[in-house]
């Protein structure tokens, strides 16, 4: 269990960098880190191609072109199902050009800070 007042010290490091989680912790010791390790193992070869990014229970699939996107999504969903992990269809964002992820916006121009966070710093 995380001591009250110490939650700000928690940081997860993944291939894309270090991030502070914005999740509710359950009373399971190391459960986020354990789950992240499991997701990395399930999707390892896809993560290494830089087409898939995973952070805890969020998975982003990135393709330069739409060609092959559907097959990659099917592969990710198949692997999750084989490991008794399932997706909530209402949480899907399908074939979008930009997505907010861990406080940044990822899109065709690269990675940039969320506009709200930039305004907060410049004000």
PDB file of N, CA and C in Angstrom:
ATOM      1  N   UNK A   1       0.847  -1.180   0.000  1.00  0.00           N
ATOM      2  CA  UNK A   1       0.000   0.000   0.000  1.00  0.00           C
ATOM      3  C   UNK A   1       0.894   1.246   0.000  1.00  0.00           C
ATOM      4  N   UNK A   2       0.458   2.241  -0.719  1.00  0.00           N
ATOM      5  CA  UNK A   2       1.201   3.489  -0.808  1.00  0.00           C
ATOM      6  C   UNK A   2       0.816   4.376   0.368  1.00  0.00           C
ATOM      7  N   UNK A   3       1.816   4.876   1.055  1.00  0.00           N
ATOM      8  CA  UNK A   3       1.593   5.728   2.217  1.00  0.00           C
ATOM      9  C   UNK A   3       0.868   7.006   1.782  1.00  0.00           C
ATOM     10  N   UNK A   4      -0.103   7.437   2.565  1.00  0.00           N
ATOM     11  CA  UNK A   4      -0.842   8.662   2.280  1.00  0.00           C
ATOM     12  C   UNK A   4       0.134   9.820   2.118  1.00  0.00           C
ATOM     13  N   UNK A   5      -0.019  10.582   1.037  1.00  0.00           N
ATOM     14  CA  UNK A   5       0.856  11.712   0.780  1.00  0.00           C
ATOM     15  C   UNK A   5       2.074  11.372  -0.072  1.00  0.00           C
ATOM     16  N   UNK A   6       2.302  10.073  -0.356  1.00  0.00           N
ATOM     17  CA  UNK A   6       3.470   9.663  -1.143  1.00  0.00           C
ATOM     18  C   UNK A   6       3.133   9.269  -2.580  1.00  0.00           C
ATOM     19  N   UNK A   7       1.882   9.397  -2.977  1.00  0.00           N
ATOM     20  CA  UNK A   7       1.498   8.985  -4.327  1.00  0.00           C
ATOM     21  C   UNK A   7       2.224   9.779  -5.406  1.00  0.00           C
ATOM     22  N   UNK A   8       2.622  11.005  -5.104  1.00  0.00           N
ATOM     23  CA  UNK A   8       3.313  11.839  -6.093  1.00  0.00           C
ATOM     24  C   UNK A   8       4.689  11.281  -6.447  1.00  0.00           C
ATOM     25  N   UNK A   9       5.225  10.397  -5.642  1.00  0.00           N
ATOM     26  CA  UNK A   9       6.561   9.838  -5.883  1.00  0.00           C
ATOM     27  C   UNK A   9       6.551   8.705  -6.917  1.00  0.00           C
ATOM     28  N   UNK A  10       5.394   8.222  -7.274  1.00  0.00           N
ATOM     29  CA  UNK A  10       5.302   7.057  -8.158  1.00  0.00           C
ATOM     30  C   UNK A  10       5.502   7.484  -9.606  1.00  0.00           C
ATOM     31  N   UNK A  11       6.393   6.813 -10.288  1.00  0.00           N
ATOM     32  CA  UNK A  11       6.632   7.064 -11.705  1.00  0.00           C
ATOM     33  C   UNK A  11       6.811   5.724 -12.383  1.00  0.00           C
ATOM     34  N   UNK A  12       6.204   5.571 -13.574  1.00  0.00           N
ATOM     35  CA  UNK A  12       6.391   4.365 -14.367  1.00  0.00           C
ATOM     36  C   UNK A  12       7.251   4.707 -15.563  1.00  0.00           C
ATOM     37  N   UNK A  13       8.187   3.854 -15.869  1.00  0.00           N
ATOM     38  CA  UNK A  13       9.041   4.055 -17.030  1.00  0.00           C
ATOM     39  C   UNK A  13       8.695   3.005 -18.060  1.00  0.00           C
ATOM     40  N   UNK A  14       8.384   3.465 -19.275  1.00  0.00           N
ATOM     41  CA  UNK A  14       8.109   2.576 -20.392  1.00  0.00           C
ATOM     42  C   UNK A  14       8.982   3.021 -21.554  1.00  0.00           C
ATOM     43  N   UNK A  15       8.893   2.336 -22.669  1.00  0.00           N
ATOM     44  CA  UNK A  15       9.730   2.629 -23.824  1.00  0.00           C
ATOM     45  C   UNK A  15       9.648   4.094 -24.227  1.00  0.00           C
ATOM     46  N   UNK A  16       8.486   4.702 -24.101  1.00  0.00           N
ATOM     47  CA  UNK A  16       8.273   6.077 -24.535  1.00  0.00           C
ATOM     48  C   UNK A  16       8.735   7.117 -23.528  1.00  0.00           C
ATOM     49  N   UNK A  17       9.096   6.720 -22.320  1.00  0.00           N
ATOM     50  CA  UNK A  17       9.571   7.667 -21.319  1.00  0.00           C
ATOM     51  C   UNK A  17       9.023   7.359 -19.938  1.00  0.00           C
ATOM     52  N   UNK A  18       9.141   8.321 -19.018  1.00  0.00           N
ATOM     53  CA  UNK A  18       8.658   8.154 -17.650  1.00  0.00           C
ATOM     54  C   UNK A  18       7.377   8.954 -17.459  1.00  0.00           C
ATOM     55  N   UNK A  19       6.419   8.356 -16.756  1.00  0.00           N
ATOM     56  CA  UNK A  19       5.125   8.981 -16.583  1.00  0.00           C
ATOM     57  C   UNK A  19       4.617   8.766 -15.173  1.00  0.00           C
ATOM     58  N   UNK A  20       3.912   9.769 -14.668  1.00  0.00           N
ATOM     59  CA  UNK A  20       3.240   9.652 -13.382  1.00  0.00           C
ATOM     60  C   UNK A  20       1.815   9.177 -13.659  1.00  0.00           C
ATOM     61  N   UNK A  21       1.372   8.115 -13.023  1.00  0.00           N
ATOM     62  CA  UNK A  21       0.040   7.591 -13.313  1.00  0.00           C
ATOM     63  C   UNK A  21      -1.063   8.485 -12.768  1.00  0.00           C
ATOM     64  N   UNK A  22      -2.172   8.486 -13.482  1.00  0.00           N
ATOM     65  CA  UNK A  22      -3.370   9.169 -13.003  1.00  0.00           C
ATOM     66  C   UNK A  22      -4.439   8.086 -12.920  1.00  0.00           C
ATOM     67  N   UNK A  23      -4.238   7.174 -11.992  1.00  0.00           N
ATOM     68  CA  UNK A  23      -5.147   6.052 -11.827  1.00  0.00           C
ATOM     69  C   UNK A  23      -5.440   5.867 -10.351  1.00  0.00           C
ATOM     70  N   UNK A  24      -6.446   5.092 -10.069  1.00  0.00           N
ATOM     71  CA  UNK A  24      -6.768   4.765  -8.689  1.00  0.00           C
ATOM     72  C   UNK A  24      -6.027   3.475  -8.351  1.00  0.00           C
ATOM     73  N   UNK A  25      -5.230   3.501  -7.304  1.00  0.00           N
ATOM     74  CA  UNK A  25      -4.506   2.314  -6.903  1.00  0.00           C
ATOM     75  C   UNK A  25      -5.389   1.438  -6.031  1.00  0.00           C
ATOM     76  N   UNK A  26      -5.322   0.168  -6.279  1.00  0.00           N
ATOM     77  CA  UNK A  26      -6.019  -0.793  -5.446  1.00  0.00           C
ATOM     78  C   UNK A  26      -5.023  -1.242  -4.384  1.00  0.00           C
ATOM     79  N   UNK A  27      -5.449  -1.962  -3.440  1.00  0.00           N
ATOM     80  CA  UNK A  27      -4.580  -2.348  -2.338  1.00  0.00           C
ATOM     81  C   UNK A  27      -3.719  -3.565  -2.686  1.00  0.00           C
ATOM     82  N   UNK A  28      -3.301  -3.674  -3.904  1.00  0.00           N
ATOM     83  CA  UNK A  28      -2.419  -4.749  -4.321  1.00  0.00           C
ATOM     84  C   UNK A  28      -1.024  -4.180  -4.529  1.00  0.00           C
ATOM     85  N   UNK A  29      -0.067  -4.700  -3.826  1.00  0.00           N
ATOM     86  CA  UNK A  29       1.297  -4.197  -3.933  1.00  0.00           C
ATOM     87  C   UNK A  29       1.838  -4.498  -5.324  1.00  0.00           C
ATOM     88  N   UNK A  30       2.416  -3.487  -5.975  1.00  0.00           N
ATOM     89  CA  UNK A  30       3.041  -3.595  -7.290  1.00  0.00           C
ATOM     90  C   UNK A  30       2.086  -3.997  -8.416  1.00  0.00           C
ATOM     91  N   UNK A  31       0.787  -3.894  -8.214  1.00  0.00           N
ATOM     92  CA  UNK A  31      -0.132  -4.330  -9.264  1.00  0.00           C
ATOM     93  C   UNK A  31       0.027  -3.537 -10.556  1.00  0.00           C
ATOM     94  N   UNK A  32       0.189  -2.203 -10.551  1.00  0.00           N
ATOM     95  CA  UNK A  32       0.396  -1.510 -11.826  1.00  0.00           C
ATOM     96  C   UNK A  32       1.672  -1.960 -12.533  1.00  0.00           C
ATOM     97  N   UNK A  33       2.749  -2.095 -11.796  1.00  0.00           N
ATOM     98  CA  UNK A  33       4.008  -2.517 -12.400  1.00  0.00           C
ATOM     99  C   UNK A  33       3.914  -3.946 -12.920  1.00  0.00           C
ATOM    100  N   UNK A  34       3.245  -4.810 -12.191  1.00  0.00           N
ATOM    101  CA  UNK A  34       3.076  -6.200 -12.616  1.00  0.00           C
ATOM    102  C   UNK A  34       2.233  -6.269 -13.876  1.00  0.00           C
ATOM    103  N   UNK A  35       1.158  -5.497 -13.926  1.00  0.00           N
ATOM    104  CA  UNK A  35       0.294  -5.492 -15.107  1.00  0.00           C
ATOM    105  C   UNK A  35       1.045  -4.924 -16.306  1.00  0.00           C
ATOM    106  N   UNK A  36       1.837  -3.862 -16.097  1.00  0.00           N
ATOM    107  CA  UNK A  36       2.614  -3.276 -17.191  1.00  0.00           C
ATOM    108  C   UNK A  36       3.606  -4.296 -17.741  1.00  0.00           C
ATOM    109  N   UNK A  37       4.250  -5.038 -16.877  1.00  0.00           N
ATOM    110  CA  UNK A  37       5.195  -6.065 -17.315  1.00  0.00           C
ATOM    111  C   UNK A  37       4.484  -7.123 -18.152  1.00  0.00           C
ATOM    112  N   UNK A  38       3.292  -7.530 -17.721  1.00  0.00           N
ATOM    113  CA  UNK A  38       2.526  -8.514 -18.477  1.00  0.00           C
ATOM    114  C   UNK A  38       2.153  -7.970 -19.859  1.00  0.00           C
ATOM    115  N   UNK A  39       1.691  -6.720 -19.922  1.00  0.00           N
ATOM    116  CA  UNK A  39       1.337  -6.128 -21.219  1.00  0.00           C
ATOM    117  C   UNK A  39       2.560  -6.032 -22.130  1.00  0.00           C
ATOM    118  N   UNK A  40       3.711  -5.660 -21.564  1.00  0.00           N
ATOM    119  CA  UNK A  40       4.938  -5.583 -22.357  1.00  0.00           C
ATOM    120  C   UNK A  40       5.318  -6.947 -22.921  1.00  0.00           C
ATOM    121  N   UNK A  41       5.115  -7.999 -22.151  1.00  0.00           N
ATOM    122  CA  UNK A  41       5.428  -9.349 -22.629  1.00  0.00           C
ATOM    123  C   UNK A  41       4.469  -9.778 -23.738  1.00  0.00           C
ATOM    124  N   UNK A  42       3.201  -9.484 -23.573  1.00  0.00           N
ATOM    125  CA  UNK A  42       2.192  -9.881 -24.564  1.00  0.00           C
ATOM    126  C   UNK A  42       2.426  -9.168 -25.893  1.00  0.00           C
ATOM    127  N   UNK A  43       2.792  -7.895 -25.841  1.00  0.00           N
ATOM    128  CA  UNK A  43       2.902  -7.066 -27.052  1.00  0.00           C
ATOM    129  C   UNK A  43       4.349  -6.728 -27.421  1.00  0.00           C
ATOM    130  N   UNK A  44       5.309  -7.412 -26.827  1.00  0.00           N
ATOM    131  CA  UNK A  44       6.714  -7.035 -26.948  1.00  0.00           C
ATOM    132  C   UNK A  44       7.183  -6.808 -28.377  1.00  0.00           C
ATOM    133  N   UNK A  45       6.958  -7.754 -29.280  1.00  0.00           N
ATOM    134  CA  UNK A  45       7.456  -7.593 -30.644  1.00  0.00           C
ATOM    135  C   UNK A  45       6.768  -6.449 -31.373  1.00  0.00           C
ATOM    136  N   UNK A  46       5.518  -6.164 -31.039  1.00  0.00           N
ATOM    137  CA  UNK A  46       4.807  -5.048 -31.670  1.00  0.00           C
ATOM    138  C   UNK A  46       5.285  -3.712 -31.092  1.00  0.00           C
ATOM    139  N   UNK A  47       5.589  -3.694 -29.807  1.00  0.00           N
ATOM    140  CA  UNK A  47       6.124  -2.482 -29.184  1.00  0.00           C
ATOM    141  C   UNK A  47       7.492  -2.166 -29.780  1.00  0.00           C
ATOM    142  N   UNK A  48       8.289  -3.193 -30.015  1.00  0.00           N
ATOM    143  CA  UNK A  48       9.632  -2.991 -30.573  1.00  0.00           C
ATOM    144  C   UNK A  48       9.604  -2.435 -31.998  1.00  0.00           C
ATOM    145  N   UNK A  49       8.494  -2.603 -32.726  1.00  0.00           N
ATOM    146  CA  UNK A  49       8.374  -2.025 -34.073  1.00  0.00           C
ATOM    147  C   UNK A  49       7.899  -0.581 -34.015  1.00  0.00           C
ATOM    148  N   UNK A  50       7.610  -0.090 -32.808  1.00  0.00           N
ATOM    149  CA  UNK A  50       7.112   1.265 -32.575  1.00  0.00           C
ATOM    150  C   UNK A  50       5.745   1.511 -33.210  1.00  0.00           C
ATOM    151  N   UNK A  51       4.987   0.449 -33.457  1.00  0.00           N
ATOM    152  CA  UNK A  51       3.623   0.596 -33.961  1.00  0.00           C
ATOM    153  C   UNK A  51       2.617   0.510 -32.826  1.00  0.00           C
ATOM    154  N   UNK A  52       3.043  -0.012 -31.685  1.00  0.00           N
ATOM    155  CA  UNK A  52       2.161  -0.193 -30.540  1.00  0.00           C
ATOM    156  C   UNK A  52       2.850   0.381 -29.305  1.00  0.00           C
ATOM    157  N   UNK A  53       2.085   1.119 -28.508  1.00  0.00           N
ATOM    158  CA  UNK A  53       2.559   1.610 -27.220  1.00  0.00           C
ATOM    159  C   UNK A  53       1.552   1.163 -26.171  1.00  0.00           C
ATOM    160  N   UNK A  54       2.040   0.783 -25.018  1.00  0.00           N
ATOM    161  CA  UNK A  54       1.167   0.317 -23.952  1.00  0.00           C
ATOM    162  C   UNK A  54       1.573   0.974 -22.642  1.00  0.00           C
ATOM    163  N   UNK A  55       0.583   1.445 -21.909  1.00  0.00           N
ATOM    164  CA  UNK A  55       0.807   1.951 -20.559  1.00  0.00           C
ATOM    165  C   UNK A  55      -0.322   1.452 -19.687  1.00  0.00           C
ATOM    166  N   UNK A  56       0.009   0.561 -18.780  1.00  0.00           N
ATOM    167  CA  UNK A  56      -0.961  -0.114 -17.921  1.00  0.00           C
ATOM    168  C   UNK A  56      -2.050  -0.730 -18.808  1.00  0.00           C
ATOM    169  N   UNK A  57      -3.255  -0.162 -18.821  1.00  0.00           N
ATOM    170  CA  UNK A  57      -4.339  -0.754 -19.604  1.00  0.00           C
ATOM    171  C   UNK A  57      -4.697   0.067 -20.840  1.00  0.00           C
ATOM    172  N   UNK A  58      -3.846   0.994 -21.229  1.00  0.00           N
ATOM    173  CA  UNK A  58      -4.061   1.769 -22.452  1.00  0.00           C
ATOM    174  C   UNK A  58      -3.112   1.258 -23.528  1.00  0.00           C
ATOM    175  N   UNK A  59      -3.654   1.020 -24.708  1.00  0.00           N
ATOM    176  CA  UNK A  59      -2.843   0.573 -25.837  1.00  0.00           C
ATOM    177  C   UNK A  59      -3.109   1.521 -26.998  1.00  0.00           C
ATOM    178  N   UNK A  60      -2.039   2.043 -27.580  1.00  0.00           N
ATOM    179  CA  UNK A  60      -2.153   2.895 -28.766  1.00  0.00           C
ATOM    180  C   UNK A  60      -1.514   2.159 -29.925  1.00  0.00           C
ATOM    181  N   UNK A  61      -2.214   2.152 -31.059  1.00  0.00           N
ATOM    182  CA  UNK A  61      -1.700   1.539 -32.280  1.00  0.00           C
ATOM    183  C   UNK A  61      -1.472   2.658 -33.275  1.00  0.00           C
ATOM    184  N   UNK A  62      -0.238   2.769 -33.758  1.00  0.00           N
ATOM    185  CA  UNK A  62       0.142   3.869 -34.640  1.00  0.00           C
ATOM    186  C   UNK A  62       0.629   3.309 -35.967  1.00  0.00           C
ATOM    187  N   UNK A  63       0.057   3.821 -37.041  1.00  0.00           N
ATOM    188  CA  UNK A  63       0.468   3.404 -38.383  1.00  0.00           C
ATOM    189  C   UNK A  63       0.700   4.643 -39.235  1.00  0.00           C
ATOM    190  N   UNK A  64       1.678   4.582 -40.109  1.00  0.00           N
ATOM    191  CA  UNK A  64       1.936   5.681 -41.041  1.00  0.00           C
ATOM    192  C   UNK A  64       0.806   5.791 -42.063  1.00  0.00           C
ATOM    193  N   UNK A  65       0.291   4.647 -42.484  1.00  0.00           N
ATOM    194  CA  UNK A  65      -0.810   4.596 -43.460  1.00  0.00           C
ATOM    195  C   UNK A  65      -1.924   3.716 -42.911  1.00  0.00           C
ATOM    196  N   UNK A  66      -3.110   3.880 -43.454  1.00  0.00           N
ATOM    197  CA  UNK A  66      -4.226   3.049 -42.998  1.00  0.00           C
ATOM    198  C   UNK A  66      -4.060   1.599 -43.427  1.00  0.00           C
ATOM    199  N   UNK A  67      -3.291   1.377 -44.464  1.00  0.00           N
ATOM    200  CA  UNK A  67      -3.058   0.019 -44.961  1.00  0.00           C
ATOM    201  C   UNK A  67      -2.421  -0.832 -43.860  1.00  0.00           C
ATOM    202  N   UNK A  68      -3.045  -1.918 -43.521  1.00  0.00           N
ATOM    203  CA  UNK A  68      -2.526  -2.813 -42.491  1.00  0.00           C
ATOM    204  C   UNK A  68      -2.976  -2.488 -41.083  1.00  0.00           C
ATOM    205  N   UNK A  69      -3.639  -1.349 -40.896  1.00  0.00           N
ATOM    206  CA  UNK A  69      -4.078  -0.939 -39.556  1.00  0.00           C
ATOM    207  C   UNK A  69      -5.055  -1.945 -38.963  1.00  0.00           C
ATOM    208  N   UNK A  70      -6.066  -2.320 -39.745  1.00  0.00           N
ATOM    209  CA  UNK A  70      -7.086  -3.250 -39.236  1.00  0.00           C
ATOM    210  C   UNK A  70      -6.466  -4.578 -38.808  1.00  0.00           C
ATOM    211  N   UNK A  71      -5.524  -5.087 -39.595  1.00  0.00           N
ATOM    212  CA  UNK A  71      -4.868  -6.358 -39.249  1.00  0.00           C
ATOM    213  C   UNK A  71      -4.092  -6.237 -37.941  1.00  0.00           C
ATOM    214  N   UNK A  72      -3.424  -5.110 -37.757  1.00  0.00           N
ATOM    215  CA  UNK A  72      -2.662  -4.911 -36.523  1.00  0.00           C
ATOM    216  C   UNK A  72      -3.599  -4.821 -35.319  1.00  0.00           C
ATOM    217  N   UNK A  73      -4.712  -4.121 -35.468  1.00  0.00           N
ATOM    218  CA  UNK A  73      -5.697  -4.044 -34.384  1.00  0.00           C
ATOM    219  C   UNK A  73      -6.207  -5.441 -34.050  1.00  0.00           C
ATOM    220  N   UNK A  74      -6.525  -6.226 -35.067  1.00  0.00           N
ATOM    221  CA  UNK A  74      -6.990  -7.595 -34.845  1.00  0.00           C
ATOM    222  C   UNK A  74      -5.948  -8.422 -34.100  1.00  0.00           C
ATOM    223  N   UNK A  75      -4.682  -8.250 -34.455  1.00  0.00           N
ATOM    224  CA  UNK A  75      -3.602  -8.990 -33.794  1.00  0.00           C
ATOM    225  C   UNK A  75      -3.496  -8.604 -32.319  1.00  0.00           C
ATOM    226  N   UNK A  76      -3.568  -7.323 -32.021  1.00  0.00           N
ATOM    227  CA  UNK A  76      -3.501  -6.863 -30.628  1.00  0.00           C
ATOM    228  C   UNK A  76      -4.686  -7.414 -29.838  1.00  0.00           C
ATOM    229  N   UNK A  77      -5.893  -7.301 -30.381  1.00  0.00           N
ATOM    230  CA  UNK A  77      -7.088  -7.788 -29.687  1.00  0.00           C
ATOM    231  C   UNK A  77      -7.020  -9.301 -29.492  1.00  0.00           C
ATOM    232  N   UNK A  78      -6.519 -10.024 -30.494  1.00  0.00           N
ATOM    233  CA  UNK A  78      -6.379 -11.487 -30.392  1.00  0.00           C
ATOM    234  C   UNK A  78      -5.432 -11.847 -29.246  1.00  0.00           C
ATOM    235  N   UNK A  79      -4.281 -11.165 -29.180  1.00  0.00           N
ATOM    236  CA  UNK A  79      -3.313 -11.454 -28.120  1.00  0.00           C
ATOM    237  C   UNK A  79      -3.882 -11.152 -26.744  1.00  0.00           C
ATOM    238  N   UNK A  80      -4.603 -10.054 -26.631  1.00  0.00           N
ATOM    239  CA  UNK A  80      -5.214  -9.727 -25.345  1.00  0.00           C
ATOM    240  C   UNK A  80      -6.220 -10.802 -24.949  1.00  0.00           C
ATOM    241  N   UNK A  81      -7.068 -11.214 -25.893  1.00  0.00           N
ATOM    242  CA  UNK A  81      -8.079 -12.237 -25.605  1.00  0.00           C
ATOM    243  C   UNK A  81      -7.434 -13.562 -25.212  1.00  0.00           C
ATOM    244  N   UNK A  82      -6.330 -13.922 -25.868  1.00  0.00           N
ATOM    245  CA  UNK A  82      -5.627 -15.163 -25.521  1.00  0.00           C
ATOM    246  C   UNK A  82      -5.102 -15.141 -24.089  1.00  0.00           C
ATOM    247  N   UNK A  83      -4.930 -13.964 -23.542  1.00  0.00           N
ATOM    248  CA  UNK A  83      -4.448 -13.801 -22.173  1.00  0.00           C
ATOM    249  C   UNK A  83      -5.553 -13.369 -21.222  1.00  0.00           C
ATOM    250  N   UNK A  84      -6.796 -13.629 -21.612  1.00  0.00           N
ATOM    251  CA  UNK A  84      -7.978 -13.298 -20.804  1.00  0.00           C
ATOM    252  C   UNK A  84      -8.079 -11.819 -20.476  1.00  0.00           C
ATOM    253  N   UNK A  85      -7.656 -10.970 -21.411  1.00  0.00           N
ATOM    254  CA  UNK A  85      -7.798  -9.527 -21.295  1.00  0.00           C
ATOM    255  C   UNK A  85      -8.735  -9.067 -22.400  1.00  0.00           C
ATOM    256  N   UNK A  86      -9.642  -8.186 -22.081  1.00  0.00           N
ATOM    257  CA  UNK A  86     -10.648  -7.779 -23.041  1.00  0.00           C
ATOM    258  C   UNK A  86     -10.739  -6.262 -23.120  1.00  0.00           C
ATOM    259  N   UNK A  87     -11.241  -5.781 -24.229  1.00  0.00           N
ATOM    260  CA  UNK A  87     -11.361  -4.346 -24.459  1.00  0.00           C
ATOM    261  C   UNK A  87     -12.818  -3.926 -24.328  1.00  0.00           C
ATOM    262  N   UNK A  88     -13.017  -2.682 -23.924  1.00  0.00           N
ATOM    263  CA  UNK A  88     -14.358  -2.111 -23.864  1.00  0.00           C
ATOM    264  C   UNK A  88     -14.559  -1.300 -25.138  1.00  0.00           C
ATOM    265  N   UNK A  89     -15.472  -1.742 -25.980  1.00  0.00           N
ATOM    266  CA  UNK A  89     -15.680  -1.085 -27.267  1.00  0.00           C
ATOM    267  C   UNK A  89     -16.031   0.394 -27.120  1.00  0.00           C
ATOM    268  N   UNK A  90     -16.724   0.770 -26.047  1.00  0.00           N
ATOM    269  CA  UNK A  90     -17.102   2.173 -25.871  1.00  0.00           C
ATOM    270  C   UNK A  90     -15.896   3.066 -25.584  1.00  0.00           C
ATOM    271  N   UNK A  91     -14.755   2.476 -25.253  1.00  0.00           N
ATOM    272  CA  UNK A  91     -13.546   3.266 -25.004  1.00  0.00           C
ATOM    273  C   UNK A  91     -12.664   3.400 -26.242  1.00  0.00           C
ATOM    274  N   UNK A  92     -13.012   2.678 -27.307  1.00  0.00           N
ATOM    275  CA  UNK A  92     -12.219   2.743 -28.543  1.00  0.00           C
ATOM    276  C   UNK A  92     -12.313   4.099 -29.208  1.00  0.00           C
ATOM    277  N   UNK A  93     -11.223   4.533 -29.767  1.00  0.00           N
ATOM    278  CA  UNK A  93     -11.196   5.667 -30.692  1.00  0.00           C
ATOM    279  C   UNK A  93     -10.585   5.090 -31.952  1.00  0.00           C
ATOM    280  N   UNK A  94     -11.344   5.050 -33.013  1.00  0.00           N
ATOM    281  CA  UNK A  94     -10.973   4.302 -34.201  1.00  0.00           C
ATOM    282  C   UNK A  94     -10.456   5.215 -35.310  1.00  0.00           C
ATOM    283  N   UNK A  95      -9.271   4.958 -35.797  1.00  0.00           N
ATOM    284  CA  UNK A  95      -8.678   5.645 -36.947  1.00  0.00           C
ATOM    285  C   UNK A  95      -8.722   7.169 -36.808  1.00  0.00           C
ATOM    286  N   UNK A  96      -8.238   7.656 -35.701  1.00  0.00           N
ATOM    287  CA  UNK A  96      -8.192   9.101 -35.495  1.00  0.00           C
ATOM    288  C   UNK A  96      -6.787   9.610 -35.815  1.00  0.00           C
ATOM    289  N   UNK A  97      -6.686  10.892 -36.092  1.00  0.00           N
ATOM    290  CA  UNK A  97      -5.399  11.483 -36.482  1.00  0.00           C
ATOM    291  C   UNK A  97      -4.589  11.961 -35.280  1.00  0.00           C
ATOM    292  N   UNK A  98      -5.260  12.325 -34.188  1.00  0.00           N
ATOM    293  CA  UNK A  98      -4.582  12.769 -32.966  1.00  0.00           C
ATOM    294  C   UNK A  98      -5.236  12.113 -31.764  1.00  0.00           C
ATOM    295  N   UNK A  99      -4.417  11.852 -30.750  1.00  0.00           N
ATOM    296  CA  UNK A  99      -4.961  11.260 -29.525  1.00  0.00           C
ATOM    297  C   UNK A  99      -4.198  11.807 -28.331  1.00  0.00           C
ATOM    298  N   UNK A 100      -4.944  12.111 -27.264  1.00  0.00           N
ATOM    299  CA  UNK A 100      -4.316  12.496 -26.009  1.00  0.00           C
ATOM    300  C   UNK A 100      -3.882  11.242 -25.272  1.00  0.00           C
ATOM    301  N   UNK A 101      -2.650  11.247 -24.759  1.00  0.00           N
ATOM    302  CA  UNK A 101      -2.117  10.068 -24.089  1.00  0.00           C
ATOM    303  C   UNK A 101      -1.124  10.525 -23.033  1.00  0.00           C
ATOM    304  N   UNK A 102      -1.445  10.318 -21.764  1.00  0.00           N
ATOM    305  CA  UNK A 102      -0.553  10.632 -20.650  1.00  0.00           C
ATOM    306  C   UNK A 102      -0.093  12.087 -20.648  1.00  0.00           C
ATOM    307  N   UNK A 103      -0.999  13.008 -20.951  1.00  0.00           N
ATOM    308  CA  UNK A 103      -0.693  14.429 -20.876  1.00  0.00           C
ATOM    309  C   UNK A 103      -0.092  15.039 -22.128  1.00  0.00           C
ATOM    310  N   UNK A 104       0.063  14.253 -23.187  1.00  0.00           N
ATOM    311  CA  UNK A 104       0.570  14.775 -24.453  1.00  0.00           C
ATOM    312  C   UNK A 104      -0.406  14.419 -25.563  1.00  0.00           C
ATOM    313  N   UNK A 105      -0.248  15.081 -26.701  1.00  0.00           N
ATOM    314  CA  UNK A 105      -1.070  14.787 -27.874  1.00  0.00           C
ATOM    315  C   UNK A 105      -0.148  14.180 -28.917  1.00  0.00           C
ATOM    316  N   UNK A 106      -0.509  13.012 -29.405  1.00  0.00           N
ATOM    317  CA  UNK A 106       0.283  12.321 -30.416  1.00  0.00           C
ATOM    318  C   UNK A 106      -0.473  12.423 -31.729  1.00  0.00           C
ATOM    319  N   UNK A 107       0.211  12.907 -32.773  1.00  0.00           N
ATOM    320  CA  UNK A 107      -0.435  13.070 -34.077  1.00  0.00           C
ATOM    321  C   UNK A 107       0.575  13.038 -35.203  1.00  0.00           C
ATOM    322  N   UNK A 108       0.129  13.369 -36.427  1.00  0.00           N
ATOM    323  CA  UNK A 108       1.007  13.326 -37.601  1.00  0.00           C
ATOM    324  C   UNK A 108       2.235  14.223 -37.481  1.00  0.00           C
ATOM    325  N   UNK A 109       2.112  15.326 -36.740  1.00  0.00           N
ATOM    326  CA  UNK A 109       3.249  16.244 -36.578  1.00  0.00           C
ATOM    327  C   UNK A 109       4.189  15.813 -35.458  1.00  0.00           C
ATOM    328  N   UNK A 110       3.889  14.731 -34.781  1.00  0.00           N
ATOM    329  CA  UNK A 110       4.719  14.254 -33.688  1.00  0.00           C
ATOM    330  C   UNK A 110       4.003  14.368 -32.353  1.00  0.00           C
ATOM    331  N   UNK A 111       4.769  14.563 -31.300  1.00  0.00           N
ATOM    332  CA  UNK A 111       4.234  14.630 -29.942  1.00  0.00           C
ATOM    333  C   UNK A 111       4.313  16.065 -29.448  1.00  0.00           C
ATOM    334  N   UNK A 112       3.206  16.558 -28.894  1.00  0.00           N
ATOM    335  CA  UNK A 112       3.185  17.915 -28.329  1.00  0.00           C
ATOM    336  C   UNK A 112       2.397  17.883 -27.021  1.00  0.00           C
ATOM    337  N   UNK A 113       2.605  18.905 -26.221  1.00  0.00           N
ATOM    338  CA  UNK A 113       1.891  19.010 -24.949  1.00  0.00           C
ATOM    339  C   UNK A 113       0.418  19.318 -25.200  1.00  0.00           C
ATOM    340  N   UNK A 114      -0.441  18.857 -24.285  1.00  0.00           N
ATOM    341  CA  UNK A 114      -1.859  19.209 -24.363  1.00  0.00           C
ATOM    342  C   UNK A 114      -1.988  20.712 -24.190  1.00  0.00           C
ATOM    343  N   UNK A 115      -2.853  21.329 -24.969  1.00  0.00           N
ATOM    344  CA  UNK A 115      -3.012  22.789 -24.979  1.00  0.00           C
ATOM    345  C   UNK A 115      -3.344  23.330 -23.588  1.00  0.00           C
ATOM    346  N   UNK A 116      -4.183  22.630 -22.833  1.00  0.00           N
ATOM    347  CA  UNK A 116      -4.549  23.077 -21.484  1.00  0.00           C
ATOM    348  C   UNK A 116      -3.331  23.165 -20.560  1.00  0.00           C
ATOM    349  N   UNK A 117      -2.420  22.224 -20.708  1.00  0.00           N
ATOM    350  CA  UNK A 117      -1.221  22.213 -19.859  1.00  0.00           C
ATOM    351  C   UNK A 117      -0.284  23.359 -20.238  1.00  0.00           C
ATOM    352  N   UNK A 118      -0.200  23.684 -21.527  1.00  0.00           N
ATOM    353  CA  UNK A 118       0.641  24.803 -21.981  1.00  0.00           C
ATOM    354  C   UNK A 118       0.087  26.102 -21.460  1.00  0.00           C
ATOM    355  N   UNK A 119      -1.250  26.283 -21.524  1.00  0.00           N
ATOM    356  CA  UNK A 119      -1.876  27.498 -21.017  1.00  0.00           C
ATOM    357  C   UNK A 119      -1.631  27.654 -19.530  1.00  0.00           C
ATOM    358  N   UNK A 120      -1.668  26.570 -18.787  1.00  0.00           N
ATOM    359  CA  UNK A 120      -1.444  26.608 -17.340  1.00  0.00           C
ATOM    360  C   UNK A 120      -0.053  27.098 -16.991  1.00  0.00           C
ATOM    361  N   UNK A 121       0.932  26.764 -17.809  1.00  0.00           N
ATOM    362  CA  UNK A 121       2.310  27.188 -17.559  1.00  0.00           C
ATOM    363  C   UNK A 121       2.511  28.628 -17.951  1.00  0.00           C
ATOM    364  N   UNK A 122       1.899  29.048 -19.076  1.00  0.00           N
ATOM    365  CA  UNK A 122       2.130  30.408 -19.596  1.00  0.00           C
ATOM    366  C   UNK A 122       1.299  31.465 -18.864  1.00  0.00           C
ATOM    367  N   UNK A 123       0.266  31.060 -18.137  1.00  0.00           N
ATOM    368  CA  UNK A 123      -0.570  32.033 -17.410  1.00  0.00           C
ATOM    369  C   UNK A 123       0.106  32.580 -16.198  1.00  0.00           C
TER     370      UNK A 123
END
